[in-house]
């Protein structure tokens, strides 16, 4: 029986072939009826060109123009955006950009599995998104050169898990929060999908921590246990539960309803929707169809155009320190969900 990654590669090739033959038609459609319409397709195309233009000579991306901040994290987010649009190191219009970005991340892995050049105060954010990107790439190509380094990165995540089951900013923290935990949870799932062994005990502990952040009264999730619920926190939490295998957990259902009720929340809009997209996608049905239609309209209405390039800035949530590379990568990723190119988002 073909592997999931082989099936995904074949699907990606066929989808790209359809695009080349039917470029004036609706780009793609999923079983729930969500479509990537011509306007969205054009914005994605322009955004990919914009992201490619911002890549540094060493293969990395950074948070802002002329800045070298957060290169590992920004490269991880941008690679996942290119992959969501069907690009791999050996496939797609931006194959060379993906290959260069992947090599930058690989070269950043030190012998102990930690990443070079990452700010230690929020280290696990960058480690998590880089591991997700490399695990997805390894799951597609199974490069022997990548396998050993990726295993060390996974080991760092497992060793950094706190006694409560979650993760925090540094590899040696004793507490946890939902914003860091989601990245490590997704990274472990991506690693499993790519063929790496992940102890079930680590999965069970992570589920326990995420569940402890649930608020029965609101139906949402908090940043840490006992705090108030919020849109971004709830999106991160139910996405974590899903990738950890709890697709039909009652907390996922109520959390999804919380997201729908708070969909216009502008606090951490980009960050929250980066997790709400795959979460609602895996919920499926009208929940996903209605959510995608709304978020697509919101994102498209705020696009900036520069010639034949498109990009997004902080106007939807106001956190300007993150810069247009981050926002553009996130919104491309969200808009591309109906393409089905990322195996991680399949139940």
Protein backbone atom coordinates (compact mmCIF):
# COMPACT_ATOMS: atom_id res chain seq x y z
CA UNK A 1 0.00 0.00 0.00
CA UNK A 2 1.48 3.42 -0.93
CA UNK A 3 2.68 5.62 1.93
CA UNK A 4 0.79 8.80 2.82
CA UNK A 5 3.72 10.92 1.65
CA UNK A 6 3.78 9.15 -1.73
CA UNK A 7 0.04 9.65 -2.13
CA UNK A 8 0.42 13.31 -1.18
CA UNK A 9 3.20 13.80 -3.74
CA UNK A 10 1.10 12.21 -6.48
CA UNK A 11 -1.89 14.37 -5.51
CA UNK A 12 0.29 17.47 -5.53
CA UNK A 13 1.61 16.65 -9.02
CA UNK A 14 -1.89 16.06 -10.38
CA UNK A 15 -3.19 19.25 -8.77
CA UNK A 16 -0.38 21.30 -10.26
CA UNK A 17 -1.07 19.73 -13.64
CA UNK A 18 -4.74 20.69 -13.36
CA UNK A 19 -3.71 24.23 -12.48
CA UNK A 20 -1.52 24.51 -15.56
CA UNK A 21 -4.35 23.28 -17.78
CA UNK A 22 -7.16 25.25 -16.12
CA UNK A 23 -5.53 28.43 -14.87
CA UNK A 24 -8.59 30.55 -15.67
CA UNK A 25 -10.95 28.33 -13.66
CA UNK A 26 -11.48 27.95 -9.95
CA UNK A 27 -8.13 26.70 -8.61
CA UNK A 28 -9.20 23.84 -6.36
CA UNK A 29 -12.15 22.50 -4.45
CA UNK A 30 -12.36 20.22 -1.44
CA UNK A 31 -15.10 17.74 -0.52
CA UNK A 32 -16.84 20.29 1.70
CA UNK A 33 -17.18 22.70 -1.22
CA UNK A 34 -14.63 25.35 -0.23
CA UNK A 35 -12.96 26.88 -3.23
CA UNK A 36 -9.91 28.96 -3.97
CA UNK A 37 -11.45 31.52 -6.28
CA UNK A 38 -9.59 33.57 -8.95
CA UNK A 39 -9.03 36.57 -6.67
CA UNK A 40 -7.58 34.41 -3.91
CA UNK A 41 -5.50 32.47 -6.43
CA UNK A 42 -4.05 35.73 -7.76
CA UNK A 43 -3.25 36.94 -4.24
CA UNK A 44 -1.52 33.66 -3.40
CA UNK A 45 0.51 33.84 -6.62
CA UNK A 46 1.59 37.41 -5.91
CA UNK A 47 2.38 36.59 -2.29
CA UNK A 48 4.61 33.66 -3.20
CA UNK A 49 6.52 35.93 -5.56
CA UNK A 50 6.86 38.49 -2.76
CA UNK A 51 8.16 35.88 -0.30
CA UNK A 52 10.65 34.59 -2.85
CA UNK A 53 11.95 38.13 -3.35
CA UNK A 54 12.65 38.47 0.39
CA UNK A 55 14.79 35.35 0.73
CA UNK A 56 18.37 36.03 1.84
CA UNK A 57 21.40 34.62 0.04
CA UNK A 58 21.89 32.04 2.80
CA UNK A 59 18.38 30.67 2.17
CA UNK A 60 16.72 32.24 5.21
CA UNK A 61 13.95 34.78 5.69
CA UNK A 62 13.75 37.39 8.45
CA UNK A 63 10.98 39.29 10.18
CA UNK A 64 11.39 42.66 8.47
CA UNK A 65 13.03 44.30 5.46
CA UNK A 66 16.75 44.77 6.08
CA UNK A 67 16.47 42.83 9.32
CA UNK A 68 18.06 39.56 10.40
CA UNK A 69 15.63 38.88 13.26
CA UNK A 70 14.16 35.44 13.91
CA UNK A 71 15.66 33.77 10.81
CA UNK A 72 14.92 30.20 11.93
CA UNK A 73 11.27 30.87 12.79
CA UNK A 74 10.60 33.04 9.72
CA UNK A 75 12.21 30.43 7.48
CA UNK A 76 10.04 27.72 9.02
CA UNK A 77 6.83 29.70 8.52
CA UNK A 78 7.75 30.64 4.95
CA UNK A 79 8.71 27.11 3.94
CA UNK A 80 5.36 25.84 5.18
CA UNK A 81 3.61 28.52 3.11
CA UNK A 82 5.44 27.41 -0.03
CA UNK A 83 4.63 23.78 0.75
CA UNK A 84 0.95 24.63 1.31
CA UNK A 85 0.91 25.96 -2.27
CA UNK A 86 2.46 22.77 -3.67
CA UNK A 87 6.19 23.51 -3.68
CA UNK A 88 8.88 21.05 -2.57
CA UNK A 89 12.68 21.09 -2.94
CA UNK A 90 12.33 19.22 -6.24
CA UNK A 91 8.89 20.29 -7.33
CA UNK A 92 6.97 23.46 -8.11
CA UNK A 93 7.78 26.95 -9.34
CA UNK A 94 9.60 27.78 -6.11
CA UNK A 95 11.49 24.51 -5.68
CA UNK A 96 14.85 26.29 -5.50
CA UNK A 97 13.61 28.62 -2.78
CA UNK A 98 12.32 25.69 -0.74
CA UNK A 99 15.56 23.77 -1.19
CA UNK A 100 17.62 26.76 -0.08
CA UNK A 101 15.40 27.41 2.93
CA UNK A 102 15.53 23.77 3.95
CA UNK A 103 19.32 23.77 3.71
CA UNK A 104 19.49 26.86 5.93
CA UNK A 105 17.49 25.10 8.64
CA UNK A 106 19.55 21.91 8.31
CA UNK A 107 22.77 23.90 8.62
CA UNK A 108 21.38 25.60 11.73
CA UNK A 109 21.10 22.32 13.65
CA UNK A 110 23.98 21.85 16.08
CA UNK A 111 25.32 18.46 17.24
CA UNK A 112 23.09 18.50 20.33
CA UNK A 113 19.95 19.19 18.26
CA UNK A 114 19.64 22.82 19.33
CA UNK A 115 19.45 25.50 16.67
CA UNK A 116 22.16 28.06 16.09
CA UNK A 117 21.29 31.77 16.21
CA UNK A 118 17.96 31.54 18.06
CA UNK A 119 17.13 33.89 20.93
CA UNK A 120 17.12 31.76 24.06
CA UNK A 121 14.35 33.68 25.80
CA UNK A 122 11.75 32.24 23.41
CA UNK A 123 13.79 29.41 21.98
CA UNK A 124 11.13 26.70 21.73
CA UNK A 125 8.94 28.79 19.41
CA UNK A 126 11.62 28.72 16.72
CA UNK A 127 12.57 25.12 17.46
CA UNK A 128 8.97 24.00 17.11
CA UNK A 129 8.18 25.65 13.77
CA UNK A 130 11.54 24.61 12.30
CA UNK A 131 10.93 21.00 13.33
CA UNK A 132 7.47 21.04 11.76
CA UNK A 133 8.84 22.37 8.46
CA UNK A 134 11.72 19.89 8.32
CA UNK A 135 9.52 16.96 9.36
CA UNK A 136 7.04 17.77 6.60
CA UNK A 137 9.89 18.00 4.09
CA UNK A 138 11.42 14.76 5.33
CA UNK A 139 8.03 13.06 5.12
CA UNK A 140 7.92 13.94 1.43
CA UNK A 141 11.51 13.17 0.43
CA UNK A 142 13.08 10.98 3.20
CA UNK A 143 16.49 12.55 2.72
CA UNK A 144 19.18 10.60 4.66
CA UNK A 145 21.09 13.86 5.20
CA UNK A 146 18.10 15.29 7.05
CA UNK A 147 17.14 12.24 9.09
CA UNK A 148 19.85 12.37 11.74
CA UNK A 149 19.52 16.08 12.45
CA UNK A 150 15.75 15.89 12.58
CA UNK A 151 15.95 13.05 15.10
CA UNK A 152 18.10 15.23 17.35
CA UNK A 153 15.59 18.08 17.07
CA UNK A 154 12.79 15.71 18.06
CA UNK A 155 14.84 14.52 21.02
CA UNK A 156 15.20 18.12 22.20
CA UNK A 157 11.40 18.48 22.18
CA UNK A 158 10.89 15.27 24.12
CA UNK A 159 13.49 16.24 26.70
CA UNK A 160 12.01 19.74 27.06
CA UNK A 161 8.54 18.50 27.98
CA UNK A 162 7.66 19.81 31.44
CA UNK A 163 6.35 17.67 34.32
CA UNK A 164 2.86 19.04 33.57
CA UNK A 165 3.05 17.70 30.01
CA UNK A 166 3.38 20.98 28.10
CA UNK A 167 6.25 23.15 26.93
CA UNK A 168 7.51 26.64 27.72
CA UNK A 169 9.98 29.13 26.20
CA UNK A 170 13.27 27.34 26.91
CA UNK A 171 14.35 23.68 26.66
CA UNK A 172 14.74 23.47 30.45
CA UNK A 173 11.52 24.99 31.80
CA UNK A 174 9.44 23.45 34.56
CA UNK A 175 6.18 25.13 33.54
CA UNK A 176 4.25 25.38 30.26
CA UNK A 177 1.82 27.43 28.18
CA UNK A 178 -0.50 26.68 25.28
CA UNK A 179 1.29 28.90 22.73
CA UNK A 180 4.54 26.92 22.96
CA UNK A 181 2.82 23.58 23.53
CA UNK A 182 0.92 23.72 20.24
CA UNK A 183 4.12 23.97 18.19
CA UNK A 184 5.76 21.03 19.94
CA UNK A 185 2.57 18.96 19.67
CA UNK A 186 2.35 19.58 15.93
CA UNK A 187 6.07 18.87 15.55
CA UNK A 188 5.69 15.49 17.27
CA UNK A 189 2.73 14.61 15.05
CA UNK A 190 4.66 15.66 11.93
CA UNK A 191 7.57 13.53 13.13
CA UNK A 192 5.28 10.53 13.56
CA UNK A 193 3.84 11.04 10.09
CA UNK A 194 7.39 11.13 8.71
CA UNK A 195 8.21 7.80 10.34
CA UNK A 196 9.97 8.82 13.55
CA UNK A 197 9.13 7.09 16.82
CA UNK A 198 7.41 9.26 19.43
CA UNK A 199 6.70 7.73 22.87
CA UNK A 200 2.98 7.43 23.58
CA UNK A 201 3.62 8.66 27.10
CA UNK A 202 4.78 12.01 25.71
CA UNK A 203 1.57 12.25 23.66
CA UNK A 204 -0.61 11.37 26.66
CA UNK A 205 1.09 13.95 28.87
CA UNK A 206 0.65 16.64 26.21
CA UNK A 207 -3.07 15.82 25.91
CA UNK A 208 -3.38 16.09 29.69
CA UNK A 209 -1.76 19.52 29.73
CA UNK A 210 -3.85 20.93 26.88
CA UNK A 211 -7.01 19.60 28.50
CA UNK A 212 -6.07 21.33 31.76
CA UNK A 213 -6.33 24.70 29.97
CA UNK A 214 -10.00 24.11 29.10
CA UNK A 215 -12.72 26.30 30.57
CA UNK A 216 -16.03 24.46 30.78
CA UNK A 217 -18.04 27.65 31.28
CA UNK A 218 -16.74 29.43 28.16
CA UNK A 219 -16.02 26.38 26.04
CA UNK A 220 -12.66 27.91 25.20
CA UNK A 221 -9.07 27.45 26.33
CA UNK A 222 -6.67 29.63 28.28
CA UNK A 223 -2.97 30.43 27.94
CA UNK A 224 -2.30 28.48 31.15
CA UNK A 225 -4.66 26.51 33.42
CA UNK A 226 -7.13 28.64 35.34
CA UNK A 227 -6.83 31.77 33.19
CA UNK A 228 -9.33 33.36 30.80
CA UNK A 229 -10.19 31.93 27.40
CA UNK A 230 -9.31 33.62 24.12
CA UNK A 231 -9.57 33.02 20.35
CA UNK A 232 -5.89 32.37 19.62
CA UNK A 233 -5.46 30.23 22.73
CA UNK A 234 -8.51 28.14 21.87
CA UNK A 235 -7.37 27.67 18.26
CA UNK A 236 -3.95 26.48 19.45
CA UNK A 237 -5.51 24.13 21.99
CA UNK A 238 -8.04 22.33 19.81
CA UNK A 239 -5.51 22.03 17.00
CA UNK A 240 -3.12 20.47 19.52
CA UNK A 241 -5.76 17.96 20.63
CA UNK A 242 -6.52 17.05 17.03
CA UNK A 243 -2.92 16.41 16.00
CA UNK A 244 -2.45 14.43 19.22
CA UNK A 245 -5.26 12.13 18.06
CA UNK A 246 -8.28 13.51 19.94
CA UNK A 247 -10.29 14.50 16.88
CA UNK A 248 -13.68 13.73 18.38
CA UNK A 249 -13.01 14.96 21.90
CA UNK A 250 -15.93 16.99 23.27
CA UNK A 251 -13.49 19.83 24.06
CA UNK A 252 -12.61 20.06 20.36
CA UNK A 253 -16.28 20.44 19.50
CA UNK A 254 -16.96 23.15 22.06
CA UNK A 255 -13.65 24.83 21.23
CA UNK A 256 -14.60 24.89 17.56
CA UNK A 257 -17.90 26.53 18.47
CA UNK A 258 -15.98 29.08 20.55
CA UNK A 259 -13.83 29.92 17.50
CA UNK A 260 -16.91 30.41 15.36
CA UNK A 261 -18.48 32.71 17.95
CA UNK A 262 -15.29 34.77 18.28
CA UNK A 263 -14.15 34.69 14.65
CA UNK A 264 -13.99 38.50 14.42
CA UNK A 265 -11.61 38.79 17.36
CA UNK A 266 -8.65 40.92 16.21
CA UNK A 267 -6.29 40.14 19.09
CA UNK A 268 -3.48 38.05 17.60
CA UNK A 269 -5.60 37.56 14.46
CA UNK A 270 -2.83 36.08 12.31
CA UNK A 271 -1.42 33.83 15.01
CA UNK A 272 -4.88 32.59 15.99
CA UNK A 273 -6.03 31.89 12.46
CA UNK A 274 -2.81 30.03 11.68
CA UNK A 275 -4.10 27.37 14.09
CA UNK A 276 -7.82 27.89 13.56
CA UNK A 277 -7.42 27.10 9.84
CA UNK A 278 -6.25 23.49 10.21
CA UNK A 279 -8.43 23.01 13.31
CA UNK A 280 -11.66 23.99 11.54
CA UNK A 281 -10.49 22.20 8.39
CA UNK A 282 -10.30 18.95 10.35
CA UNK A 283 -13.69 19.60 11.95
CA UNK A 284 -14.97 19.85 8.38
CA UNK A 285 -18.52 20.25 7.06
CA UNK A 286 -20.32 23.57 7.28
CA UNK A 287 -18.09 24.63 10.16
CA UNK A 288 -15.07 24.67 7.86
CA UNK A 289 -16.94 25.92 4.80
CA UNK A 290 -18.42 28.94 6.58
CA UNK A 291 -15.24 29.72 8.51
CA UNK A 292 -13.05 29.63 5.40
CA UNK A 293 -15.42 31.86 3.42
CA UNK A 294 -15.33 34.47 6.18
CA UNK A 295 -11.59 34.44 6.86
CA UNK A 296 -10.79 34.40 3.14
CA UNK A 297 -12.84 37.55 2.61
CA UNK A 298 -11.18 39.28 5.57
CA UNK A 299 -7.65 38.41 4.44
CA UNK A 300 -8.25 39.32 0.79
CA UNK A 301 -9.74 42.68 1.77
CA UNK A 302 -6.50 43.75 3.47
CA UNK A 303 -3.93 42.66 0.87
CA UNK A 304 -1.27 45.15 -0.27
CA UNK A 305 -0.12 45.12 -3.88
CA UNK A 306 3.27 46.11 -5.25
CA UNK A 307 3.35 45.53 -9.00
CA UNK A 308 2.64 41.83 -9.49
CA UNK A 309 3.51 41.03 -5.88
CA UNK A 310 1.15 40.85 -2.91
CA UNK A 311 1.84 41.00 0.80
CA UNK A 312 0.12 41.54 4.13
CA UNK A 313 1.10 43.67 7.09
CA UNK A 314 -0.07 44.00 10.69
CA UNK A 315 -3.30 45.91 10.06
CA UNK A 316 -5.55 42.99 11.08
CA UNK A 317 -4.04 42.56 14.54
CA UNK A 318 -1.60 45.42 15.08
CA UNK A 319 1.52 43.51 16.13
CA UNK A 320 3.83 45.31 13.72
CA UNK A 321 7.04 43.95 15.20
CA UNK A 322 6.45 40.69 13.36
CA UNK A 323 6.69 42.22 9.87
CA UNK A 324 5.19 41.44 6.44
CA UNK A 325 7.13 38.20 5.83
CA UNK A 326 5.42 36.61 8.83
CA UNK A 327 1.95 37.90 7.95
CA UNK A 328 2.28 37.00 4.29
CA UNK A 329 3.48 33.48 5.07
CA UNK A 330 0.66 32.95 7.57
CA UNK A 331 -2.09 34.21 5.28
CA UNK A 332 -0.83 32.24 2.29
CA UNK A 333 -0.89 29.16 4.48
CA UNK A 334 -4.48 29.85 5.55
CA UNK A 335 -5.73 30.64 2.02
CA UNK A 336 -4.12 27.47 0.64
CA UNK A 337 -5.91 25.07 3.00
CA UNK A 338 -8.38 23.75 0.37
CA UNK A 339 -5.46 22.57 -1.80
CA UNK A 340 -4.85 19.56 0.52
CA UNK A 341 -1.09 19.75 -0.06
CA UNK A 342 0.01 19.31 3.57
CA UNK A 343 -0.48 15.69 4.74
CA UNK A 344 -0.39 16.81 8.38
CA UNK A 345 -3.90 18.27 8.03
CA UNK A 346 -5.55 15.02 7.02
CA UNK A 347 -7.39 13.17 9.77
